[in-house]
Amino acid sequence: MKSELRIRHKRFSLFHWRFTLKRTATMGTHPRVGPHTFS
């Protein structure tokens, strides 16, 4: 059950990171938003 929750969280994090990256690319480069934030 714990592993399942971790996998689900991992999948959500990846989706959120992709969404943020896409939004950042649309708005323009932002110094506080980047891959290092979602490491």
PDB file of N, CA and C in Angstrom:
ATOM      1  N   MET A   1       0.839  -1.208   0.000  1.00  0.00           N
ATOM      2  CA  MET A   1       0.000   0.000   0.000  1.00  0.00           C
ATOM      3  C   MET A   1       0.866   1.247   0.000  1.00  0.00           C
ATOM      4  N   LYS A   2       1.936   1.200   0.786  1.00  0.00           N
ATOM      5  CA  LYS A   2       2.832   2.360   0.822  1.00  0.00           C
ATOM      6  C   LYS A   2       3.505   2.572  -0.530  1.00  0.00           C
ATOM      7  N   SER A   3       3.959   1.471  -1.129  1.00  0.00           N
ATOM      8  CA  SER A   3       4.631   1.569  -2.429  1.00  0.00           C
ATOM      9  C   SER A   3       3.669   2.111  -3.482  1.00  0.00           C
ATOM     10  N   GLU A   4       2.391   1.686  -3.399  1.00  0.00           N
ATOM     11  CA  GLU A   4       1.404   2.153  -4.371  1.00  0.00           C
ATOM     12  C   GLU A   4       1.217   3.663  -4.246  1.00  0.00           C
ATOM     13  N   LEU A   5       1.193   4.147  -3.027  1.00  0.00           N
ATOM     14  CA  LEU A   5       1.026   5.579  -2.783  1.00  0.00           C
ATOM     15  C   LEU A   5       2.229   6.351  -3.329  1.00  0.00           C
ATOM     16  N   ARG A   6       3.413   5.778  -3.144  1.00  0.00           N
ATOM     17  CA  ARG A   6       4.633   6.430  -3.643  1.00  0.00           C
ATOM     18  C   ARG A   6       4.618   6.520  -5.157  1.00  0.00           C
ATOM     19  N   ILE A   7       4.195   5.443  -5.809  1.00  0.00           N
ATOM     20  CA  ILE A   7       4.143   5.427  -7.273  1.00  0.00           C
ATOM     21  C   ILE A   7       3.133   6.458  -7.754  1.00  0.00           C
ATOM     22  N   ARG A   8       1.997   6.529  -7.087  1.00  0.00           N
ATOM     23  CA  ARG A   8       0.962   7.488  -7.476  1.00  0.00           C
ATOM     24  C   ARG A   8       1.484   8.904  -7.301  1.00  0.00           C
ATOM     25  N   HIS A   9       2.179   9.151  -6.203  1.00  0.00           N
ATOM     26  CA  HIS A   9       2.750  10.475  -5.943  1.00  0.00           C
ATOM     27  C   HIS A   9       3.815  10.820  -6.968  1.00  0.00           C
ATOM     28  N   LYS A  10       4.592   9.806  -7.346  1.00  0.00           N
ATOM     29  CA  LYS A  10       5.646  10.013  -8.333  1.00  0.00           C
ATOM     30  C   LYS A  10       5.026  10.410  -9.674  1.00  0.00           C
ATOM     31  N   ARG A  11       3.955   9.707 -10.037  1.00  0.00           N
ATOM     32  CA  ARG A  11       3.285   9.985 -11.299  1.00  0.00           C
ATOM     33  C   ARG A  11       2.695  11.391 -11.285  1.00  0.00           C
ATOM     34  N   PHE A  12       2.096  11.769 -10.179  1.00  0.00           N
ATOM     35  CA  PHE A  12       1.507  13.099 -10.050  1.00  0.00           C
ATOM     36  C   PHE A  12       2.581  14.172 -10.110  1.00  0.00           C
ATOM     37  N   SER A  13       3.705  13.915  -9.456  1.00  0.00           N
ATOM     38  CA  SER A  13       4.803  14.887  -9.451  1.00  0.00           C
ATOM     39  C   SER A  13       5.324  15.109 -10.859  1.00  0.00           C
ATOM     40  N   LEU A  14       5.442  14.013 -11.617  1.00  0.00           N
ATOM     41  CA  LEU A  14       5.928  14.107 -12.991  1.00  0.00           C
ATOM     42  C   LEU A  14       4.960  14.928 -13.834  1.00  0.00           C
ATOM     43  N   PHE A  15       3.666  14.664 -13.649  1.00  0.00           N
ATOM     44  CA  PHE A  15       2.652  15.402 -14.397  1.00  0.00           C
ATOM     45  C   PHE A  15       2.693  16.880 -14.016  1.00  0.00           C
ATOM     46  N   HIS A  16       2.805  17.158 -12.725  1.00  0.00           N
ATOM     47  CA  HIS A  16       2.842  18.539 -12.246  1.00  0.00           C
ATOM     48  C   HIS A  16       4.083  19.259 -12.762  1.00  0.00           C
ATOM     49  N   TRP A  17       5.220  18.537 -12.806  1.00  0.00           N
ATOM     50  CA  TRP A  17       6.466  19.121 -13.294  1.00  0.00           C
ATOM     51  C   TRP A  17       6.344  19.461 -14.776  1.00  0.00           C
ATOM     52  N   ARG A  18       5.737  18.566 -15.542  1.00  0.00           N
ATOM     53  CA  ARG A  18       5.565  18.809 -16.978  1.00  0.00           C
ATOM     54  C   ARG A  18       4.636  19.997 -17.199  1.00  0.00           C
ATOM     55  N   PHE A  19       3.578  20.068 -16.401  1.00  0.00           N
ATOM     56  CA  PHE A  19       2.618  21.165 -16.535  1.00  0.00           C
ATOM     57  C   PHE A  19       3.288  22.501 -16.209  1.00  0.00           C
ATOM     58  N   THR A  20       4.069  22.500 -15.132  1.00  0.00           N
ATOM     59  CA  THR A  20       4.753  23.726 -14.722  1.00  0.00           C
ATOM     60  C   THR A  20       5.780  24.142 -15.766  1.00  0.00           C
ATOM     61  N   LEU A  21       6.480  23.146 -16.310  1.00  0.00           N
ATOM     62  CA  LEU A  21       7.491  23.440 -17.320  1.00  0.00           C
ATOM     63  C   LEU A  21       6.839  24.043 -18.561  1.00  0.00           C
ATOM     64  N   LYS A  22       5.685  23.483 -18.935  1.00  0.00           N
ATOM     65  CA  LYS A  22       4.968  23.980 -20.110  1.00  0.00           C
ATOM     66  C   LYS A  22       4.487  25.403 -19.858  1.00  0.00           C
ATOM     67  N   ARG A  23       3.944  25.638 -18.673  1.00  0.00           N
ATOM     68  CA  ARG A  23       3.444  26.967 -18.328  1.00  0.00           C
ATOM     69  C   ARG A  23       4.591  27.969 -18.279  1.00  0.00           C
ATOM     70  N   THR A  24       5.717  27.531 -17.755  1.00  0.00           N
ATOM     71  CA  THR A  24       6.878  28.418 -17.668  1.00  0.00           C
ATOM     72  C   THR A  24       7.370  28.783 -19.059  1.00  0.00           C
ATOM     73  N   ALA A  25       7.358  27.794 -19.955  1.00  0.00           N
ATOM     74  CA  ALA A  25       7.815  28.040 -21.329  1.00  0.00           C
ATOM     75  C   ALA A  25       6.877  29.035 -22.022  1.00  0.00           C
ATOM     76  N   THR A  26       5.595  28.971 -21.688  1.00  0.00           N
ATOM     77  CA  THR A  26       4.621  29.864 -22.308  1.00  0.00           C
ATOM     78  C   THR A  26       4.772  31.286 -21.758  1.00  0.00           C
ATOM     79  N   MET A  27       4.931  31.395 -20.445  1.00  0.00           N
ATOM     80  CA  MET A  27       5.038  32.706 -19.811  1.00  0.00           C
ATOM     81  C   MET A  27       6.418  33.314 -20.030  1.00  0.00           C
ATOM     82  N   GLY A  28       7.417  32.457 -20.117  1.00  0.00           N
ATOM     83  CA  GLY A  28       8.789  32.944 -20.215  1.00  0.00           C
ATOM     84  C   GLY A  28       9.620  32.374 -19.089  1.00  0.00           C
ATOM     85  N   THR A  29      10.914  32.478 -19.198  1.00  0.00           N
ATOM     86  CA  THR A  29      11.789  31.897 -18.181  1.00  0.00           C
ATOM     87  C   THR A  29      11.624  32.610 -16.846  1.00  0.00           C
ATOM     88  N   HIS A  30      11.496  31.812 -15.792  1.00  0.00           N
ATOM     89  CA  HIS A  30      11.360  32.358 -14.447  1.00  0.00           C
ATOM     90  C   HIS A  30      12.456  31.758 -13.574  1.00  0.00           C
ATOM     91  N   PRO A  31      13.228  32.581 -12.890  1.00  0.00           N
ATOM     92  CA  PRO A  31      14.375  32.092 -12.111  1.00  0.00           C
ATOM     93  C   PRO A  31      13.980  31.165 -10.966  1.00  0.00           C
ATOM     94  N   ARG A  32      12.771  31.349 -10.397  1.00  0.00           N
ATOM     95  CA  ARG A  32      12.381  30.537  -9.245  1.00  0.00           C
ATOM     96  C   ARG A  32      11.657  29.263  -9.657  1.00  0.00           C
ATOM     97  N   VAL A  33      11.341  29.126 -10.932  1.00  0.00           N
ATOM     98  CA  VAL A  33      10.635  27.938 -11.393  1.00  0.00           C
ATOM     99  C   VAL A  33      11.539  27.153 -12.333  1.00  0.00           C
ATOM    100  N   GLY A  34      11.836  25.918 -11.959  1.00  0.00           N
ATOM    101  CA  GLY A  34      12.702  25.096 -12.793  1.00  0.00           C
ATOM    102  C   GLY A  34      12.774  23.675 -12.288  1.00  0.00           C
ATOM    103  N   PRO A  35      13.489  22.814 -13.004  1.00  0.00           N
ATOM    104  CA  PRO A  35      13.610  21.407 -12.618  1.00  0.00           C
ATOM    105  C   PRO A  35      14.166  21.214 -11.216  1.00  0.00           C
ATOM    106  N   HIS A  36      15.035  22.122 -10.775  1.00  0.00           N
ATOM    107  CA  HIS A  36      15.651  21.981  -9.461  1.00  0.00           C
ATOM    108  C   HIS A  36      14.617  22.120  -8.353  1.00  0.00           C
ATOM    109  N   THR A  37      13.487  22.784  -8.645  1.00  0.00           N
ATOM    110  CA  THR A  37      12.450  22.972  -7.632  1.00  0.00           C
ATOM    111  C   THR A  37      11.719  21.676  -7.356  1.00  0.00           C
ATOM    112  N   PHE A  38      11.585  20.818  -8.386  1.00  0.00           N
ATOM    113  CA  PHE A  38      10.833  19.580  -8.230  1.00  0.00           C
ATOM    114  C   PHE A  38      11.752  18.369  -8.230  1.00  0.00           C
ATOM    115  N   SER A  39      12.941  18.534  -7.682  1.00  0.00           N
ATOM    116  CA  SER A  39      13.883  17.420  -7.670  1.00  0.00           C
ATOM    117  C   SER A  39      13.473  16.385  -6.631  1.00  0.00           C
TER     118      SER A  39
END
